[in-house]
């Protein structure tokens, strides 16, 4: 099983791919200097432990590595993930 995450800016989402098939997404909106994560989901039939975490971590790593944007977590899952990973606190909008 191969998992990858890619940003699809034309769709305003990061997608989680398993062997090339989209099985999850993290939707976002761009606002000024922020990226607002609004919704995260992984297909229930394909869901395995840690897939949503992989998706969110990869998306946040991409934001950190490729932009100056601050992260706003309006999605409950992203908000919870960030609270459990204080090493990503520097990305959050103050």
PDB file of N, CA and C in Angstrom:
ATOM      1  N   UNK A   1       0.847  -1.181   0.000  1.00  0.00           N
ATOM      2  CA  UNK A   1       0.000   0.000   0.000  1.00  0.00           C
ATOM      3  C   UNK A   1       0.887   1.236   0.000  1.00  0.00           C
ATOM      4  N   UNK A   2       0.645   2.118  -0.937  1.00  0.00           N
ATOM      5  CA  UNK A   2       1.401   3.352  -1.057  1.00  0.00           C
ATOM      6  C   UNK A   2       0.491   4.540  -0.769  1.00  0.00           C
ATOM      7  N   UNK A   3       0.854   5.347   0.234  1.00  0.00           N
ATOM      8  CA  UNK A   3       0.100   6.562   0.564  1.00  0.00           C
ATOM      9  C   UNK A   3       0.905   7.779   0.159  1.00  0.00           C
ATOM     10  N   UNK A   4       0.244   8.717  -0.527  1.00  0.00           N
ATOM     11  CA  UNK A   4       0.865   9.995  -0.864  1.00  0.00           C
ATOM     12  C   UNK A   4      -0.156  11.098  -0.631  1.00  0.00           C
ATOM     13  N   UNK A   5       0.355  12.298  -0.439  1.00  0.00           N
ATOM     14  CA  UNK A   5      -0.492  13.476  -0.261  1.00  0.00           C
ATOM     15  C   UNK A   5      -0.065  14.505  -1.288  1.00  0.00           C
ATOM     16  N   UNK A   6      -1.043  15.108  -1.949  1.00  0.00           N
ATOM     17  CA  UNK A   6      -0.715  16.175  -2.893  1.00  0.00           C
ATOM     18  C   UNK A   6      -1.674  17.339  -2.715  1.00  0.00           C
ATOM     19  N   UNK A   7      -1.124  18.514  -2.972  1.00  0.00           N
ATOM     20  CA  UNK A   7      -1.927  19.732  -2.927  1.00  0.00           C
ATOM     21  C   UNK A   7      -2.567  19.919  -4.296  1.00  0.00           C
ATOM     22  N   UNK A   8      -3.847  20.186  -4.291  1.00  0.00           N
ATOM     23  CA  UNK A   8      -4.566  20.504  -5.525  1.00  0.00           C
ATOM     24  C   UNK A   8      -5.160  21.900  -5.368  1.00  0.00           C
ATOM     25  N   UNK A   9      -4.339  22.929  -5.598  1.00  0.00           N
ATOM     26  CA  UNK A   9      -4.788  24.298  -5.345  1.00  0.00           C
ATOM     27  C   UNK A   9      -5.986  24.715  -6.178  1.00  0.00           C
ATOM     28  N   UNK A  10      -6.143  24.154  -7.371  1.00  0.00           N
ATOM     29  CA  UNK A  10      -7.304  24.494  -8.195  1.00  0.00           C
ATOM     30  C   UNK A  10      -8.597  23.965  -7.582  1.00  0.00           C
ATOM     31  N   UNK A  11      -8.498  22.997  -6.663  1.00  0.00           N
ATOM     32  CA  UNK A  11      -9.661  22.451  -5.958  1.00  0.00           C
ATOM     33  C   UNK A  11      -9.696  22.881  -4.492  1.00  0.00           C
ATOM     34  N   UNK A  12      -8.706  23.665  -4.068  1.00  0.00           N
ATOM     35  CA  UNK A  12      -8.580  24.130  -2.681  1.00  0.00           C
ATOM     36  C   UNK A  12      -8.599  22.965  -1.691  1.00  0.00           C
ATOM     37  N   UNK A  13      -7.756  21.980  -1.960  1.00  0.00           N
ATOM     38  CA  UNK A  13      -7.696  20.822  -1.066  1.00  0.00           C
ATOM     39  C   UNK A  13      -6.383  20.070  -1.234  1.00  0.00           C
ATOM     40  N   UNK A  14      -6.020  19.428  -0.145  1.00  0.00           N
ATOM     41  CA  UNK A  14      -4.980  18.413  -0.187  1.00  0.00           C
ATOM     42  C   UNK A  14      -5.707  17.085  -0.286  1.00  0.00           C
ATOM     43  N   UNK A  15      -5.167  16.166  -1.057  1.00  0.00           N
ATOM     44  CA  UNK A  15      -5.789  14.851  -1.180  1.00  0.00           C
ATOM     45  C   UNK A  15      -4.818  13.778  -0.707  1.00  0.00           C
ATOM     46  N   UNK A  16      -5.397  12.753  -0.095  1.00  0.00           N
ATOM     47  CA  UNK A  16      -4.661  11.570   0.323  1.00  0.00           C
ATOM     48  C   UNK A  16      -4.940  10.487  -0.705  1.00  0.00           C
ATOM     49  N   UNK A  17      -3.871   9.968  -1.296  1.00  0.00           N
ATOM     50  CA  UNK A  17      -4.001   8.933  -2.325  1.00  0.00           C
ATOM     51  C   UNK A  17      -3.432   7.622  -1.802  1.00  0.00           C
ATOM     52  N   UNK A  18      -4.191   6.558  -2.015  1.00  0.00           N
ATOM     53  CA  UNK A  18      -3.721   5.214  -1.712  1.00  0.00           C
ATOM     54  C   UNK A  18      -3.600   4.481  -3.035  1.00  0.00           C
ATOM     55  N   UNK A  19      -2.378   4.159  -3.388  1.00  0.00           N
ATOM     56  CA  UNK A  19      -2.108   3.506  -4.673  1.00  0.00           C
ATOM     57  C   UNK A  19      -2.768   4.257  -5.831  1.00  0.00           C
ATOM     58  N   UNK A  20      -2.704   5.608  -5.770  1.00  0.00           N
ATOM     59  CA  UNK A  20      -3.219   6.454  -6.841  1.00  0.00           C
ATOM     60  C   UNK A  20      -4.683   6.823  -6.756  1.00  0.00           C
ATOM     61  N   UNK A  21      -5.426   6.228  -5.820  1.00  0.00           N
ATOM     62  CA  UNK A  21      -6.860   6.513  -5.660  1.00  0.00           C
ATOM     63  C   UNK A  21      -7.076   7.503  -4.513  1.00  0.00           C
ATOM     64  N   UNK A  22      -7.868   8.549  -4.767  1.00  0.00           N
ATOM     65  CA  UNK A  22      -8.163   9.526  -3.719  1.00  0.00           C
ATOM     66  C   UNK A  22      -9.041   8.868  -2.657  1.00  0.00           C
ATOM     67  N   UNK A  23      -8.539   8.865  -1.425  1.00  0.00           N
ATOM     68  CA  UNK A  23      -9.301   8.270  -0.320  1.00  0.00           C
ATOM     69  C   UNK A  23      -9.550   9.258   0.813  1.00  0.00           C
ATOM     70  N   UNK A  24      -8.996  10.468   0.691  1.00  0.00           N
ATOM     71  CA  UNK A  24      -9.199  11.464   1.738  1.00  0.00           C
ATOM     72  C   UNK A  24      -8.909  12.847   1.219  1.00  0.00           C
ATOM     73  N   UNK A  25      -9.356  13.839   1.988  1.00  0.00           N
ATOM     74  CA  UNK A  25      -9.125  15.219   1.603  1.00  0.00           C
ATOM     75  C   UNK A  25      -9.096  16.122   2.820  1.00  0.00           C
ATOM     76  N   UNK A  26      -8.383  17.210   2.663  1.00  0.00           N
ATOM     77  CA  UNK A  26      -8.355  18.289   3.646  1.00  0.00           C
ATOM     78  C   UNK A  26      -8.612  19.566   2.852  1.00  0.00           C
ATOM     79  N   UNK A  27      -9.820  20.093   2.989  1.00  0.00           N
ATOM     80  CA  UNK A  27     -10.205  21.288   2.239  1.00  0.00           C
ATOM     81  C   UNK A  27      -9.721  22.538   2.956  1.00  0.00           C
ATOM     82  N   UNK A  28      -9.439  23.561   2.157  1.00  0.00           N
ATOM     83  CA  UNK A  28      -8.964  24.816   2.737  1.00  0.00           C
ATOM     84  C   UNK A  28      -9.447  26.003   1.916  1.00  0.00           C
ATOM     85  N   UNK A  29      -9.368  27.166   2.549  1.00  0.00           N
ATOM     86  CA  UNK A  29      -9.618  28.445   1.888  1.00  0.00           C
ATOM     87  C   UNK A  29      -8.409  29.326   2.137  1.00  0.00           C
ATOM     88  N   UNK A  30      -8.007  30.077   1.126  1.00  0.00           N
ATOM     89  CA  UNK A  30      -6.920  31.032   1.285  1.00  0.00           C
ATOM     90  C   UNK A  30      -7.523  32.396   1.590  1.00  0.00           C
ATOM     91  N   UNK A  31      -7.040  33.001   2.664  1.00  0.00           N
ATOM     92  CA  UNK A  31      -7.509  34.328   3.072  1.00  0.00           C
ATOM     93  C   UNK A  31      -6.300  35.176   3.448  1.00  0.00           C
ATOM     94  N   UNK A  32      -6.082  36.220   2.696  1.00  0.00           N
ATOM     95  CA  UNK A  32      -4.946  37.111   2.951  1.00  0.00           C
ATOM     96  C   UNK A  32      -3.679  36.284   3.147  1.00  0.00           C
ATOM     97  N   UNK A  33      -3.097  36.330   4.358  1.00  0.00           N
ATOM     98  CA  UNK A  33      -1.857  35.589   4.607  1.00  0.00           C
ATOM     99  C   UNK A  33      -2.098  34.294   5.378  1.00  0.00           C
ATOM    100  N   UNK A  34      -3.318  33.765   5.307  1.00  0.00           N
ATOM    101  CA  UNK A  34      -3.659  32.552   6.056  1.00  0.00           C
ATOM    102  C   UNK A  34      -4.225  31.471   5.140  1.00  0.00           C
ATOM    103  N   UNK A  35      -4.055  30.233   5.591  1.00  0.00           N
ATOM    104  CA  UNK A  35      -4.728  29.098   4.982  1.00  0.00           C
ATOM    105  C   UNK A  35      -5.657  28.542   6.058  1.00  0.00           C
ATOM    106  N   UNK A  36      -6.933  28.501   5.738  1.00  0.00           N
ATOM    107  CA  UNK A  36      -7.952  28.085   6.697  1.00  0.00           C
ATOM    108  C   UNK A  36      -8.397  26.674   6.326  1.00  0.00           C
ATOM    109  N   UNK A  37      -8.055  25.712   7.187  1.00  0.00           N
ATOM    110  CA  UNK A  37      -8.500  24.340   6.956  1.00  0.00           C
ATOM    111  C   UNK A  37      -9.931  24.214   7.456  1.00  0.00           C
ATOM    112  N   UNK A  38     -10.835  23.829   6.542  1.00  0.00           N
ATOM    113  CA  UNK A  38     -12.264  23.852   6.846  1.00  0.00           C
ATOM    114  C   UNK A  38     -12.889  22.480   7.030  1.00  0.00           C
ATOM    115  N   UNK A  39     -12.295  21.449   6.436  1.00  0.00           N
ATOM    116  CA  UNK A  39     -12.918  20.122   6.494  1.00  0.00           C
ATOM    117  C   UNK A  39     -11.883  19.054   6.154  1.00  0.00           C
ATOM    118  N   UNK A  40     -11.906  17.969   6.917  1.00  0.00           N
ATOM    119  CA  UNK A  40     -11.018  16.835   6.661  1.00  0.00           C
ATOM    120  C   UNK A  40     -11.835  15.557   6.730  1.00  0.00           C
ATOM    121  N   UNK A  41     -11.587  14.653   5.781  1.00  0.00           N
ATOM    122  CA  UNK A  41     -12.263  13.358   5.837  1.00  0.00           C
ATOM    123  C   UNK A  41     -11.434  12.306   5.120  1.00  0.00           C
ATOM    124  N   UNK A  42     -11.620  11.059   5.560  1.00  0.00           N
ATOM    125  CA  UNK A  42     -11.019   9.895   4.907  1.00  0.00           C
ATOM    126  C   UNK A  42     -12.147   8.903   4.683  1.00  0.00           C
ATOM    127  N   UNK A  43     -12.186   8.327   3.482  1.00  0.00           N
ATOM    128  CA  UNK A  43     -13.205   7.350   3.106  1.00  0.00           C
ATOM    129  C   UNK A  43     -13.284   6.235   4.154  1.00  0.00           C
ATOM    130  N   UNK A  44     -14.464   6.049   4.736  1.00  0.00           N
ATOM    131  CA  UNK A  44     -14.647   5.051   5.794  1.00  0.00           C
ATOM    132  C   UNK A  44     -14.239   3.655   5.365  1.00  0.00           C
ATOM    133  N   UNK A  45     -14.519   3.278   4.139  1.00  0.00           N
ATOM    134  CA  UNK A  45     -14.207   1.930   3.664  1.00  0.00           C
ATOM    135  C   UNK A  45     -12.703   1.715   3.489  1.00  0.00           C
ATOM    136  N   UNK A  46     -11.967   2.799   3.341  1.00  0.00           N
ATOM    137  CA  UNK A  46     -10.520   2.697   3.129  1.00  0.00           C
ATOM    138  C   UNK A  46      -9.729   3.088   4.376  1.00  0.00           C
ATOM    139  N   UNK A  47     -10.423   3.563   5.374  1.00  0.00           N
ATOM    140  CA  UNK A  47      -9.798   4.149   6.554  1.00  0.00           C
ATOM    141  C   UNK A  47      -8.997   3.108   7.339  1.00  0.00           C
ATOM    142  N   UNK A  48      -7.809   3.507   7.677  1.00  0.00           N
ATOM    143  CA  UNK A  48      -6.965   2.736   8.577  1.00  0.00           C
ATOM    144  C   UNK A  48      -6.369   3.705   9.578  1.00  0.00           C
ATOM    145  N   UNK A  49      -5.963   3.186  10.649  1.00  0.00           N
ATOM    146  CA  UNK A  49      -5.403   4.006  11.727  1.00  0.00           C
ATOM    147  C   UNK A  49      -4.280   4.911  11.211  1.00  0.00           C
ATOM    148  N   UNK A  50      -4.413   6.188  11.484  1.00  0.00           N
ATOM    149  CA  UNK A  50      -3.354   7.131  11.172  1.00  0.00           C
ATOM    150  C   UNK A  50      -3.424   7.799   9.814  1.00  0.00           C
ATOM    151  N   UNK A  51      -4.371   7.430   8.976  1.00  0.00           N
ATOM    152  CA  UNK A  51      -4.419   8.019   7.634  1.00  0.00           C
ATOM    153  C   UNK A  51      -4.750   9.509   7.665  1.00  0.00           C
ATOM    154  N   UNK A  52      -5.718   9.895   8.473  1.00  0.00           N
ATOM    155  CA  UNK A  52      -6.073  11.313   8.560  1.00  0.00           C
ATOM    156  C   UNK A  52      -4.901  12.117   9.124  1.00  0.00           C
ATOM    157  N   UNK A  53      -4.205  11.539  10.079  1.00  0.00           N
ATOM    158  CA  UNK A  53      -3.032  12.197  10.645  1.00  0.00           C
ATOM    159  C   UNK A  53      -1.946  12.393   9.594  1.00  0.00           C
ATOM    160  N   UNK A  54      -1.719  11.378   8.774  1.00  0.00           N
ATOM    161  CA  UNK A  54      -0.749  11.482   7.686  1.00  0.00           C
ATOM    162  C   UNK A  54      -1.125  12.605   6.736  1.00  0.00           C
ATOM    163  N   UNK A  55      -2.402  12.692   6.408  1.00  0.00           N
ATOM    164  CA  UNK A  55      -2.904  13.732   5.510  1.00  0.00           C
ATOM    165  C   UNK A  55      -2.648  15.119   6.096  1.00  0.00           C
ATOM    166  N   UNK A  56      -3.046  15.323   7.337  1.00  0.00           N
ATOM    167  CA  UNK A  56      -2.909  16.640   7.963  1.00  0.00           C
ATOM    168  C   UNK A  56      -1.438  17.013   8.143  1.00  0.00           C
ATOM    169  N   UNK A  57      -0.631  16.082   8.622  1.00  0.00           N
ATOM    170  CA  UNK A  57       0.785  16.385   8.820  1.00  0.00           C
ATOM    171  C   UNK A  57       1.451  16.752   7.494  1.00  0.00           C
ATOM    172  N   UNK A  58       1.158  16.016   6.451  1.00  0.00           N
ATOM    173  CA  UNK A  58       1.748  16.312   5.142  1.00  0.00           C
ATOM    174  C   UNK A  58       1.301  17.673   4.621  1.00  0.00           C
ATOM    175  N   UNK A  59       0.024  17.994   4.809  1.00  0.00           N
ATOM    176  CA  UNK A  59      -0.485  19.302   4.378  1.00  0.00           C
ATOM    177  C   UNK A  59       0.207  20.426   5.147  1.00  0.00           C
ATOM    178  N   UNK A  60       0.332  20.265   6.455  1.00  0.00           N
ATOM    179  CA  UNK A  60       0.981  21.302   7.261  1.00  0.00           C
ATOM    180  C   UNK A  60       2.470  21.417   6.934  1.00  0.00           C
ATOM    181  N   UNK A  61       3.116  20.297   6.676  1.00  0.00           N
ATOM    182  CA  UNK A  61       4.518  20.347   6.258  1.00  0.00           C
ATOM    183  C   UNK A  61       4.660  21.111   4.941  1.00  0.00           C
ATOM    184  N   UNK A  62       3.720  20.907   4.027  1.00  0.00           N
ATOM    185  CA  UNK A  62       3.750  21.625   2.756  1.00  0.00           C
ATOM    186  C   UNK A  62       3.566  23.127   2.972  1.00  0.00           C
ATOM    187  N   UNK A  63       2.637  23.488   3.844  1.00  0.00           N
ATOM    188  CA  UNK A  63       2.434  24.908   4.153  1.00  0.00           C
ATOM    189  C   UNK A  63       3.725  25.492   4.725  1.00  0.00           C
ATOM    190  N   UNK A  64       4.326  24.790   5.660  1.00  0.00           N
ATOM    191  CA  UNK A  64       5.568  25.269   6.292  1.00  0.00           C
ATOM    192  C   UNK A  64       6.694  25.416   5.265  1.00  0.00           C
ATOM    193  N   UNK A  65       6.839  24.445   4.390  1.00  0.00           N
ATOM    194  CA  UNK A  65       7.962  24.420   3.459  1.00  0.00           C
ATOM    195  C   UNK A  65       7.789  25.316   2.244  1.00  0.00           C
ATOM    196  N   UNK A  66       6.539  25.615   1.871  1.00  0.00           N
ATOM    197  CA  UNK A  66       6.309  26.276   0.586  1.00  0.00           C
ATOM    198  C   UNK A  66       5.505  27.560   0.643  1.00  0.00           C
ATOM    199  N   UNK A  67       5.294  28.097   1.836  1.00  0.00           N
ATOM    200  CA  UNK A  67       4.566  29.364   1.912  1.00  0.00           C
ATOM    201  C   UNK A  67       4.918  30.094   3.196  1.00  0.00           C
ATOM    202  N   UNK A  68       4.437  31.299   3.286  1.00  0.00           N
ATOM    203  CA  UNK A  68       4.587  32.109   4.502  1.00  0.00           C
ATOM    204  C   UNK A  68       3.245  32.217   5.225  1.00  0.00           C
ATOM    205  N   UNK A  69       2.275  31.447   4.803  1.00  0.00           N
ATOM    206  CA  UNK A  69       0.924  31.542   5.358  1.00  0.00           C
ATOM    207  C   UNK A  69       0.853  30.995   6.773  1.00  0.00           C
ATOM    208  N   UNK A  70      -0.072  31.556   7.533  1.00  0.00           N
ATOM    209  CA  UNK A  70      -0.402  31.064   8.864  1.00  0.00           C
ATOM    210  C   UNK A  70      -1.576  30.112   8.724  1.00  0.00           C
ATOM    211  N   UNK A  71      -1.650  29.145   9.604  1.00  0.00           N
ATOM    212  CA  UNK A  71      -2.713  28.142   9.578  1.00  0.00           C
ATOM    213  C   UNK A  71      -3.824  28.530  10.545  1.00  0.00           C
ATOM    214  N   UNK A  72      -5.053  28.481  10.059  1.00  0.00           N
ATOM    215  CA  UNK A  72      -6.243  28.642  10.886  1.00  0.00           C
ATOM    216  C   UNK A  72      -6.998  27.321  10.802  1.00  0.00           C
ATOM    217  N   UNK A  73      -7.248  26.720  11.949  1.00  0.00           N
ATOM    218  CA  UNK A  73      -7.887  25.400  11.983  1.00  0.00           C
ATOM    219  C   UNK A  73      -9.356  25.545  12.364  1.00  0.00           C
ATOM    220  N   UNK A  74     -10.205  25.763  11.374  1.00  0.00           N
ATOM    221  CA  UNK A  74     -11.638  25.777  11.667  1.00  0.00           C
ATOM    222  C   UNK A  74     -12.208  24.366  11.611  1.00  0.00           C
ATOM    223  N   UNK A  75     -11.471  23.438  11.018  1.00  0.00           N
ATOM    224  CA  UNK A  75     -11.846  22.020  11.006  1.00  0.00           C
ATOM    225  C   UNK A  75     -11.525  21.417  12.375  1.00  0.00           C
ATOM    226  N   UNK A  76     -12.490  20.775  13.017  1.00  0.00           N
ATOM    227  CA  UNK A  76     -12.239  20.184  14.339  1.00  0.00           C
ATOM    228  C   UNK A  76     -11.094  19.173  14.354  1.00  0.00           C
ATOM    229  N   UNK A  77     -10.953  18.383  13.292  1.00  0.00           N
ATOM    230  CA  UNK A  77      -9.873  17.396  13.284  1.00  0.00           C
ATOM    231  C   UNK A  77      -8.515  18.084  13.240  1.00  0.00           C
ATOM    232  N   UNK A  78      -8.360  19.076  12.381  1.00  0.00           N
ATOM    233  CA  UNK A  78      -7.083  19.791  12.281  1.00  0.00           C
ATOM    234  C   UNK A  78      -6.790  20.503  13.597  1.00  0.00           C
ATOM    235  N   UNK A  79      -7.791  21.101  14.202  1.00  0.00           N
ATOM    236  CA  UNK A  79      -7.619  21.779  15.493  1.00  0.00           C
ATOM    237  C   UNK A  79      -7.138  20.786  16.558  1.00  0.00           C
ATOM    238  N   UNK A  80      -7.763  19.618  16.610  1.00  0.00           N
ATOM    239  CA  UNK A  80      -7.371  18.590  17.568  1.00  0.00           C
ATOM    240  C   UNK A  80      -5.954  18.094  17.289  1.00  0.00           C
ATOM    241  N   UNK A  81      -5.636  17.870  16.018  1.00  0.00           N
ATOM    242  CA  UNK A  81      -4.314  17.389  15.635  1.00  0.00           C
ATOM    243  C   UNK A  81      -3.248  18.390  16.082  1.00  0.00           C
ATOM    244  N   UNK A  82      -3.501  19.666  15.836  1.00  0.00           N
ATOM    245  CA  UNK A  82      -2.538  20.695  16.228  1.00  0.00           C
ATOM    246  C   UNK A  82      -2.350  20.747  17.746  1.00  0.00           C
ATOM    247  N   UNK A  83      -3.424  20.538  18.492  1.00  0.00           N
ATOM    248  CA  UNK A  83      -3.304  20.575  19.958  1.00  0.00           C
ATOM    249  C   UNK A  83      -2.454  19.407  20.468  1.00  0.00           C
ATOM    250  N   UNK A  84      -2.397  18.322  19.717  1.00  0.00           N
ATOM    251  CA  UNK A  84      -1.600  17.155  20.105  1.00  0.00           C
ATOM    252  C   UNK A  84      -0.177  17.194  19.555  1.00  0.00           C
ATOM    253  N   UNK A  85       0.125  18.184  18.723  1.00  0.00           N
ATOM    254  CA  UNK A  85       1.447  18.297  18.100  1.00  0.00           C
ATOM    255  C   UNK A  85       1.976  19.724  18.274  1.00  0.00           C
ATOM    256  N   UNK A  86       2.451  20.047  19.474  1.00  0.00           N
ATOM    257  CA  UNK A  86       2.897  21.417  19.750  1.00  0.00           C
ATOM    258  C   UNK A  86       4.056  21.888  18.877  1.00  0.00           C
ATOM    259  N   UNK A  87       4.772  20.961  18.240  1.00  0.00           N
ATOM    260  CA  UNK A  87       5.860  21.348  17.351  1.00  0.00           C
ATOM    261  C   UNK A  87       5.356  22.019  16.071  1.00  0.00           C
ATOM    262  N   UNK A  88       4.044  22.062  15.881  1.00  0.00           N
ATOM    263  CA  UNK A  88       3.447  22.769  14.741  1.00  0.00           C
ATOM    264  C   UNK A  88       2.783  24.082  15.169  1.00  0.00           C
ATOM    265  N   UNK A  89       2.921  24.452  16.426  1.00  0.00           N
ATOM    266  CA  UNK A  89       2.269  25.663  16.942  1.00  0.00           C
ATOM    267  C   UNK A  89       2.745  26.922  16.215  1.00  0.00           C
ATOM    268  N   UNK A  90       3.971  26.907  15.719  1.00  0.00           N
ATOM    269  CA  UNK A  90       4.494  28.081  15.019  1.00  0.00           C
ATOM    270  C   UNK A  90       3.731  28.411  13.739  1.00  0.00           C
ATOM    271  N   UNK A  91       2.982  27.450  13.207  1.00  0.00           N
ATOM    272  CA  UNK A  91       2.218  27.678  11.981  1.00  0.00           C
ATOM    273  C   UNK A  91       0.893  28.389  12.236  1.00  0.00           C
ATOM    274  N   UNK A  92       0.413  28.327  13.455  1.00  0.00           N
ATOM    275  CA  UNK A  92      -0.931  28.842  13.722  1.00  0.00           C
ATOM    276  C   UNK A  92      -0.959  30.351  13.763  1.00  0.00           C
ATOM    277  N   UNK A  93      -2.043  30.865  13.248  1.00  0.00           N
ATOM    278  CA  UNK A  93      -2.253  32.310  13.255  1.00  0.00           C
ATOM    279  C   UNK A  93      -2.396  32.764  14.700  1.00  0.00           C
ATOM    280  N   UNK A  94      -1.744  33.843  15.001  1.00  0.00           N
ATOM    281  CA  UNK A  94      -1.786  34.366  16.382  1.00  0.00           C
ATOM    282  C   UNK A  94      -2.809  35.432  16.517  1.00  0.00           C
TER     283      UNK A  94
END
